[in-house]
C-alpha cells in the first residue's frame, strides 16, 4: 500500500521570527491525515512571552493583543506539542513537516528554554523519527525544476490546494497531502519504508547543504556555512533564549 496512503501526522508552527534557535511559538497544529483526508486535529495558540514583530504578524495574522489575551503559556504549549508528537513517533507513525529542520529545531529550542525534557529524552534517548519533509524530498527528486520551493509553490506544482497559507492547521494539512502527492509521482519514494526514507532525507539534506555552500563560496561568500543537519539542528551551549 505504501506509507503515503497510511496514517500521516501533519505538523506546523507559526512563530515570532525566522531563526529557529531564537524565535518563539505563536501557533501550532498537529493533524492526522489518511489518504489525504483529515481525521483529527489539535491546535494551540501561545502567548510567546515576547513581542511578536510586525512582519511576523503580517504573515500569520496573530496580534500581540490576541496572543496575550487568548494564548496559553508558551512552556505549556511547547510541552503539549512535544508530548503529542512523541506519542506518534513511539508507535512508528511518520510526522510530516515542511522544512522540518526549522519546526523541530524551534520546538527543541523552546523545550530547552523552559528547561523541559527534550524530544530525545521523551523518546528514551532516541532521536525523533520517522520524519517526512516534502521540502527535502522534492528538492532531491526534482532538483532541476526552476522556481520557488516554498510551500505555496510546491503545492501548486503537485496540485495541492493550500487553503490559507501561514495558518498552522492549513499548512500542516497541506504538508501531509504534499508528501503523499510526491510519493504518487515518484514511485521510488513511495517504495521506501518510513525509516529508510528518514535516513535518505538525512543524506539528501546534507548533500544539498554542501552543494549550496559550495555555490555561495564560488559566488564570493568565502565564509558561507550552510548547516546540513536534518531534521533537528544542534542547539549549542549558551544559545541565547
Protein backbone atom coordinates (compact mmCIF):
# COMPACT_ATOMS: atom_id res chain seq x y z
CA UNK A 1 0.00 0.00 0.00
CA UNK A 2 2.84 2.41 0.80
CA UNK A 3 3.41 4.84 3.67
CA UNK A 4 1.83 7.66 1.69
CA UNK A 5 -1.60 6.02 1.89
CA UNK A 6 -1.37 5.21 5.57
CA UNK A 7 -1.73 7.49 8.60
CA UNK A 8 0.45 10.61 8.45
CA UNK A 9 0.76 13.36 11.04
CA UNK A 10 0.99 16.87 9.63
CA UNK A 11 2.83 19.34 11.86
CA UNK A 12 3.41 23.08 11.57
CA UNK A 13 4.40 26.05 13.70
CA UNK A 14 3.79 29.74 13.15
CA UNK A 15 6.31 31.82 15.02
CA UNK A 16 7.77 35.18 16.00
CA UNK A 17 10.67 35.01 13.55
CA UNK A 18 12.81 33.08 11.10
CA UNK A 19 15.70 31.89 13.28
CA UNK A 20 14.58 28.59 14.80
CA UNK A 21 17.01 28.89 17.70
CA UNK A 22 15.64 32.22 18.93
CA UNK A 23 12.07 32.51 17.57
CA UNK A 24 9.07 31.57 19.71
CA UNK A 25 5.94 29.55 19.01
CA UNK A 26 2.79 31.56 18.33
CA UNK A 27 0.52 28.85 16.92
CA UNK A 28 0.97 25.11 16.44
CA UNK A 29 -1.05 22.41 14.73
CA UNK A 30 -0.91 18.63 14.56
CA UNK A 31 -3.33 16.93 12.19
CA UNK A 32 -3.99 13.27 11.44
CA UNK A 33 -4.32 12.59 7.70
CA UNK A 34 -5.07 9.32 5.93
CA UNK A 35 -5.22 9.08 2.13
CA UNK A 36 -5.29 12.88 2.01
CA UNK A 37 -8.30 13.23 4.31
CA UNK A 38 -8.05 14.95 7.70
CA UNK A 39 -9.22 12.75 10.57
CA UNK A 40 -8.43 14.68 13.73
CA UNK A 41 -6.50 17.75 14.78
CA UNK A 42 -5.01 19.58 17.70
CA UNK A 43 -4.36 23.32 17.64
CA UNK A 44 -2.59 25.63 20.07
CA UNK A 45 -2.30 29.41 20.46
CA UNK A 46 0.60 30.52 22.65
CA UNK A 47 1.49 33.69 24.46
CA UNK A 48 5.14 33.67 23.36
CA UNK A 49 6.27 35.89 26.23
CA UNK A 50 7.94 38.34 23.86
CA UNK A 51 6.64 40.88 21.39
CA UNK A 52 5.59 39.44 18.05
CA UNK A 53 7.29 41.60 15.39
CA UNK A 54 5.06 43.38 12.91
CA UNK A 55 6.45 41.44 9.97
CA UNK A 56 5.57 38.14 11.69
CA UNK A 57 2.06 39.41 12.49
CA UNK A 58 1.70 40.29 8.82
CA UNK A 59 2.50 36.69 7.90
CA UNK A 60 0.28 34.70 10.27
CA UNK A 61 -2.18 37.33 11.46
CA UNK A 62 -1.83 36.73 15.22
CA UNK A 63 -1.54 40.06 17.01
CA UNK A 64 0.27 40.63 20.29
CA UNK A 65 -3.05 41.54 21.88
CA UNK A 66 -4.70 38.29 20.82
CA UNK A 67 -1.72 36.16 21.85
CA UNK A 68 -1.64 37.78 25.29
CA UNK A 69 -5.42 37.56 25.80
CA UNK A 70 -6.11 34.10 24.38
CA UNK A 71 -2.78 32.29 24.27
CA UNK A 72 -1.69 29.59 26.69
CA UNK A 73 1.67 29.96 28.46
CA UNK A 74 4.44 29.17 25.99
CA UNK A 75 6.03 26.48 28.14
CA UNK A 76 2.77 24.55 28.34
CA UNK A 77 2.25 24.76 24.59
CA UNK A 78 5.77 23.52 23.83
CA UNK A 79 5.37 20.70 26.35
CA UNK A 80 2.00 19.65 24.95
CA UNK A 81 3.13 19.73 21.31
CA UNK A 82 6.20 17.65 22.15
CA UNK A 83 4.13 15.07 24.01
CA UNK A 84 1.71 14.71 21.09
CA UNK A 85 4.47 14.26 18.50
CA UNK A 86 6.38 11.81 20.68
CA UNK A 87 3.28 9.67 21.13
CA UNK A 88 3.08 9.21 17.36
CA UNK A 89 6.78 8.52 16.96
CA UNK A 90 6.61 5.85 19.67
CA UNK A 91 4.11 3.94 17.51
CA UNK A 92 6.14 4.43 14.33
CA UNK A 93 3.75 6.89 12.68
CA UNK A 94 5.57 9.44 10.47
CA UNK A 95 5.39 13.12 11.33
CA UNK A 96 5.28 15.30 8.20
CA UNK A 97 6.65 18.85 8.39
CA UNK A 98 7.54 21.14 5.51
CA UNK A 99 11.12 22.26 6.13
CA UNK A 100 11.23 20.07 9.21
CA UNK A 101 14.63 21.35 10.29
CA UNK A 102 13.01 24.69 11.10
CA UNK A 103 9.97 23.48 13.05
CA UNK A 104 11.69 20.70 15.00
CA UNK A 105 14.71 22.84 15.87
CA UNK A 106 12.44 25.66 17.04
CA UNK A 107 10.35 23.29 19.16
CA UNK A 108 13.54 21.84 20.64
CA UNK A 109 14.86 25.31 21.43
CA UNK A 110 11.60 26.13 23.21
CA UNK A 111 11.84 22.95 25.29
CA UNK A 112 15.35 23.83 26.35
CA UNK A 113 14.41 27.46 27.01
CA UNK A 114 11.84 26.32 29.57
CA UNK A 115 14.02 23.51 30.93
CA UNK A 116 11.61 20.85 29.73
CA UNK A 117 12.58 17.33 28.60
CA UNK A 118 13.91 17.25 25.04
CA UNK A 119 12.32 15.23 22.27
CA UNK A 120 15.08 12.63 22.60
CA UNK A 121 14.61 12.50 26.37
CA UNK A 122 10.92 11.76 25.86
CA UNK A 123 11.84 9.04 23.38
CA UNK A 124 14.19 7.27 25.75
CA UNK A 125 17.32 8.75 24.21
CA UNK A 126 16.36 8.08 20.59
CA UNK A 127 16.31 10.91 18.08
CA UNK A 128 12.89 11.82 16.64
CA UNK A 129 11.92 9.58 13.72
CA UNK A 130 10.42 8.92 11.30
CA UNK A 131 10.09 12.44 9.89
CA UNK A 132 8.95 13.14 6.34
CA UNK A 133 9.85 16.52 4.87
CA UNK A 134 8.30 17.28 1.45
CA UNK A 135 10.70 20.21 1.07
CA UNK A 136 13.76 17.98 1.32
CA UNK A 137 12.28 15.19 -0.80
CA UNK A 138 11.03 17.46 -3.60
CA UNK A 139 14.35 19.23 -3.78
CA UNK A 140 16.03 15.86 -4.30
CA UNK A 141 13.66 14.17 -6.76
CA UNK A 142 13.11 17.25 -8.95
CA UNK A 143 16.32 19.16 -8.35
CA UNK A 144 16.45 20.98 -11.68
CA UNK A 145 12.93 22.42 -11.61
CA UNK A 146 13.04 26.19 -11.70
CA UNK A 147 11.08 28.46 -9.43
CA UNK A 148 10.49 28.83 -5.72
CA UNK A 149 10.42 25.93 -3.29
CA UNK A 150 8.23 27.43 -0.60
CA UNK A 151 5.10 25.56 0.50
CA UNK A 152 2.76 27.54 -1.75
CA UNK A 153 4.89 27.00 -4.86
CA UNK A 154 5.44 23.29 -4.30
CA UNK A 155 1.76 22.72 -3.51
CA UNK A 156 0.94 24.39 -6.83
CA UNK A 157 3.42 22.10 -8.61
CA UNK A 158 1.72 18.98 -7.22
CA UNK A 159 -1.86 20.22 -7.43
CA UNK A 160 -2.41 20.52 -3.67
CA UNK A 161 -4.90 23.16 -2.55
CA UNK A 162 -3.43 25.29 0.23
CA UNK A 163 -6.42 26.78 1.97
CA UNK A 164 -4.76 29.58 3.93
CA UNK A 165 -1.01 29.88 3.75
CA UNK A 166 0.69 30.54 7.11
CA UNK A 167 -2.23 29.16 9.07
CA UNK A 168 -0.66 26.34 11.08
CA UNK A 169 -3.52 23.88 10.54
CA UNK A 170 -3.80 24.58 6.82
CA UNK A 171 -0.04 24.30 6.37
CA UNK A 172 0.13 21.05 8.37
CA UNK A 173 -2.64 19.51 6.25
CA UNK A 174 -1.02 20.71 3.03
CA UNK A 175 2.33 19.24 4.07
CA UNK A 176 0.81 15.81 4.67
CA UNK A 177 -1.08 15.88 1.38
CA UNK A 178 2.03 17.09 -0.41
CA UNK A 179 4.10 14.21 0.95
CA UNK A 180 1.56 11.76 -0.47
CA UNK A 181 1.44 13.56 -3.82
CA UNK A 182 5.23 13.49 -4.20
CA UNK A 183 5.22 9.76 -3.44
CA UNK A 184 2.48 9.17 -6.02
CA UNK A 185 4.53 10.96 -8.68
CA UNK A 186 7.80 9.32 -7.69
CA UNK A 187 7.31 5.58 -7.04
CA UNK A 188 10.86 5.18 -5.75
CA UNK A 189 9.96 7.47 -2.86
CA UNK A 190 6.74 5.57 -2.23
CA UNK A 191 8.60 2.25 -2.19
CA UNK A 192 10.81 3.25 0.74
CA UNK A 193 9.68 2.44 4.24
CA UNK A 194 9.38 5.40 6.61
CA UNK A 195 12.59 4.51 8.47
CA UNK A 196 14.60 4.19 5.26
CA UNK A 197 13.10 7.37 3.85
CA UNK A 198 14.06 9.19 7.04
CA UNK A 199 17.66 8.05 6.62
CA UNK A 200 17.70 9.03 2.95
CA UNK A 201 16.49 12.52 3.81
CA UNK A 202 19.38 12.94 6.26
CA UNK A 203 21.72 12.20 3.35
CA UNK A 204 19.80 14.28 0.81
CA UNK A 205 19.70 17.33 3.05
CA UNK A 206 23.43 17.07 3.76
CA UNK A 207 24.16 16.77 0.04
CA UNK A 208 22.02 19.82 -0.74
CA UNK A 209 23.68 21.88 2.01
CA UNK A 210 27.18 21.01 0.78
CA UNK A 211 26.25 21.92 -2.80
CA UNK A 212 24.62 25.19 -1.76
CA UNK A 213 27.56 26.12 0.45
CA UNK A 214 29.96 25.47 -2.44
CA UNK A 215 27.77 27.62 -4.71
CA UNK A 216 27.81 30.52 -2.25
CA UNK A 217 31.57 30.31 -1.91
CA UNK A 218 32.01 30.32 -5.67
CA UNK A 219 29.91 33.47 -5.70
CA UNK A 220 32.37 35.17 -3.38
CA UNK A 221 30.91 34.40 0.07
CA UNK A 222 34.11 32.78 1.28
CA UNK A 223 32.90 32.27 4.84
CA UNK A 224 29.44 30.94 3.94
CA UNK A 225 28.36 27.98 6.05
CA UNK A 226 25.15 26.04 5.33
CA UNK A 227 24.02 23.73 8.12
CA UNK A 228 23.42 20.28 6.65
CA UNK A 229 21.87 18.74 9.75
CA UNK A 230 18.36 17.29 9.37
CA UNK A 231 15.74 17.06 10.80
CA UNK A 232 16.97 18.62 14.02
CA UNK A 233 19.85 21.07 14.21
CA UNK A 234 22.16 21.11 17.18
CA UNK A 235 21.47 23.67 19.90
CA UNK A 236 24.84 24.97 21.05
CA UNK A 237 25.55 25.57 24.71
CA UNK A 238 24.92 29.16 25.72
CA UNK A 239 22.42 29.66 22.92
CA UNK A 240 20.52 32.87 23.66
CA UNK A 241 16.99 32.30 24.86
